Amino acid sequence: MTTRWLIAAVATMATGALSVAAQNAGYVVIVNESNYLTTITTPELGRLFMKKTTRWTTGQTVTPLDLTASSPVRESFSRDVFRKTPAEVKAEWQAALAAGRGLPPMEAPNEPLVVAFVRANPGAIAYVSPETPLGAGVRAIRVRH
């Protein structure tokens, strides 16, 4: 009986970990409410934010939005998704710029602007702290590691 209870508890915790893993990392990923996406993996997030994937499966252009490099939320996001600091990710973008391989995502100075941008842009994807109010037109998606 105790073994079954322990297995059920572990299974429940593991399932919950998929949906709150990013929250525990200090951020939640957000999209426009019209976006079909409900779950994303960290490798997929990395491809979207490095602009290696530029279109949603619907054909719509993906528009990633970063917080500024000094943001603690960006620090959490960069370490979790890229396993790098924001400065290291910026260095990769500088090399890509020098080689003529694209522009980095735009940056917003604060989370209310991030939410407003995502609300106004159906192809947008961004991240904010778990405490940030989203309001109508924006929703959080689950992140799987």
Protein backbone atom coordinates (compact mmCIF):
# COMPACT_ATOMS: atom_id res chain seq x y z
CA MET A 1 0.00 0.00 0.00
CA THR A 2 2.78 2.45 0.90
CA THR A 3 4.65 1.63 -2.30
CA ARG A 4 1.59 2.34 -4.46
CA TRP A 5 1.03 5.64 -2.68
CA LEU A 6 4.68 6.62 -3.21
CA ILE A 7 4.52 5.73 -6.92
CA ALA A 8 1.31 7.74 -7.33
CA ALA A 9 2.84 10.70 -5.51
CA VAL A 10 6.00 10.63 -7.64
CA ALA A 11 3.94 10.35 -10.85
CA THR A 12 1.80 13.30 -9.80
CA MET A 13 4.85 15.38 -8.94
CA ALA A 14 6.53 14.52 -12.26
CA THR A 15 3.45 15.52 -14.25
CA GLY A 16 3.17 18.78 -12.34
CA ALA A 17 6.87 19.42 -12.90
CA LEU A 18 6.26 19.66 -16.64
CA SER A 19 3.84 22.53 -16.23
CA VAL A 20 5.64 24.46 -13.52
CA ALA A 21 9.26 23.80 -14.41
CA ALA A 22 9.68 27.20 -16.03
CA GLN A 23 7.87 28.92 -13.16
CA ASN A 24 10.34 27.35 -10.78
CA ALA A 25 13.10 28.64 -13.03
CA GLY A 26 11.80 32.19 -12.52
CA TYR A 27 9.83 32.82 -15.70
CA VAL A 28 6.70 31.89 -17.61
CA VAL A 29 6.53 31.79 -21.40
CA ILE A 30 3.66 33.77 -22.88
CA VAL A 31 1.96 33.94 -26.28
CA ASN A 32 -0.95 35.81 -27.82
CA GLU A 33 -4.28 34.16 -27.01
CA SER A 34 -4.78 33.38 -30.72
CA ASN A 35 -1.66 31.17 -30.76
CA TYR A 36 -2.51 27.44 -30.87
CA LEU A 37 0.53 26.49 -28.76
CA THR A 38 -0.09 25.04 -25.29
CA THR A 39 3.27 23.37 -24.57
CA ILE A 40 6.83 23.97 -25.78
CA THR A 41 10.18 22.32 -25.06
CA THR A 42 13.28 24.23 -24.03
CA PRO A 43 15.07 23.25 -27.28
CA GLU A 44 12.12 24.63 -29.27
CA LEU A 45 12.26 27.85 -27.23
CA GLY A 46 15.96 28.12 -27.98
CA ARG A 47 15.36 27.78 -31.72
CA LEU A 48 12.62 30.43 -31.62
CA PHE A 49 14.68 32.93 -29.63
CA MET A 50 17.82 32.32 -31.73
CA LYS A 51 15.59 32.75 -34.80
CA LYS A 52 16.50 29.37 -36.23
CA THR A 53 12.75 28.67 -36.40
CA THR A 54 11.08 31.74 -37.87
CA ARG A 55 7.51 30.58 -38.57
CA TRP A 56 4.81 28.88 -36.55
CA THR A 57 3.35 25.76 -38.15
CA THR A 58 0.45 27.97 -39.30
CA GLY A 59 2.92 29.93 -41.45
CA GLN A 60 2.74 33.04 -39.29
CA THR A 61 6.03 34.78 -38.50
CA VAL A 62 7.40 34.15 -35.00
CA THR A 63 8.29 37.35 -33.15
CA PRO A 64 10.34 36.61 -30.02
CA LEU A 65 10.77 39.40 -27.48
CA ASP A 66 13.49 39.48 -24.83
CA LEU A 67 13.70 41.49 -21.65
CA THR A 68 16.86 43.59 -21.31
CA ALA A 69 20.06 41.72 -20.44
CA SER A 70 20.10 43.17 -16.90
CA SER A 71 16.72 41.61 -16.05
CA PRO A 72 16.83 38.78 -13.48
CA VAL A 73 13.99 37.12 -15.40
CA ARG A 74 16.11 37.12 -18.57
CA GLU A 75 18.97 35.67 -16.57
CA SER A 76 16.71 32.79 -15.49
CA PHE A 77 15.38 32.30 -19.02
CA SER A 78 18.84 32.33 -20.64
CA ARG A 79 20.34 29.94 -18.13
CA ASP A 80 17.39 27.56 -18.39
CA VAL A 81 16.90 27.61 -22.16
CA PHE A 82 20.44 28.19 -23.47
CA ARG A 83 22.52 27.11 -20.47
CA LYS A 84 24.28 30.48 -20.89
CA THR A 85 24.22 33.94 -19.37
CA PRO A 86 22.49 36.76 -21.25
CA ALA A 87 25.96 38.16 -22.03
CA GLU A 88 26.99 34.87 -23.64
CA VAL A 89 23.80 34.78 -25.72
CA LYS A 90 24.41 38.42 -26.76
CA ALA A 91 27.94 37.46 -27.82
CA GLU A 92 26.49 34.75 -30.09
CA TRP A 93 24.18 37.33 -31.64
CA GLN A 94 27.06 39.77 -32.14
CA ALA A 95 28.95 37.08 -34.04
CA ALA A 96 25.85 36.33 -36.12
CA LEU A 97 25.41 40.05 -36.87
CA ALA A 98 29.03 40.35 -37.93
CA ALA A 99 28.53 37.38 -40.27
CA GLY A 100 25.31 38.88 -41.66
CA ARG A 101 23.09 36.11 -40.25
CA GLY A 102 20.19 38.08 -38.82
CA LEU A 103 19.13 40.32 -35.99
CA PRO A 104 18.53 39.37 -32.36
CA PRO A 105 15.06 39.58 -30.85
CA MET A 106 13.89 43.04 -29.83
CA GLU A 107 14.23 43.89 -26.16
CA ALA A 108 11.65 45.42 -23.85
CA PRO A 109 12.67 47.35 -20.73
CA ASN A 110 9.91 45.96 -18.51
CA GLU A 111 7.32 43.22 -18.19
CA PRO A 112 4.16 45.32 -18.70
CA LEU A 113 5.55 46.30 -22.13
CA VAL A 114 6.30 42.64 -22.89
CA VAL A 115 2.70 41.68 -22.09
CA ALA A 116 1.35 44.58 -24.18
CA PHE A 117 3.56 43.59 -27.12
CA VAL A 118 2.42 39.97 -27.00
CA ARG A 119 -1.22 41.07 -26.73
CA ALA A 120 -0.82 43.24 -29.86
CA ASN A 121 1.15 40.71 -31.95
CA PRO A 122 -0.38 37.29 -32.73
CA GLY A 123 3.02 35.78 -33.67
CA ALA A 124 4.79 36.99 -30.51
CA ILE A 125 6.40 34.81 -27.86
CA ALA A 126 8.08 36.13 -24.75
CA TYR A 127 8.66 35.43 -21.06
CA VAL A 128 7.86 37.26 -17.85
CA SER A 129 8.09 36.57 -14.13
CA PRO A 130 5.42 34.23 -12.75
CA GLU A 131 3.94 37.13 -10.76
CA THR A 132 3.31 39.34 -13.80
CA PRO A 133 -0.41 39.89 -14.50
CA LEU A 134 -1.24 38.81 -18.06
CA GLY A 135 -4.80 40.01 -18.53
CA ALA A 136 -6.95 39.38 -21.59
CA GLY A 137 -5.31 38.56 -24.91
CA VAL A 138 -2.23 36.82 -23.45
CA ARG A 139 -1.74 33.37 -21.96
CA ALA A 140 1.04 31.32 -20.47
CA ILE A 141 2.14 28.04 -22.02
CA ARG A 142 3.80 25.04 -20.40
CA VAL A 143 7.52 24.43 -20.81
CA ARG A 144 8.90 20.88 -20.95
CA HIS A 145 12.55 20.28 -20.24
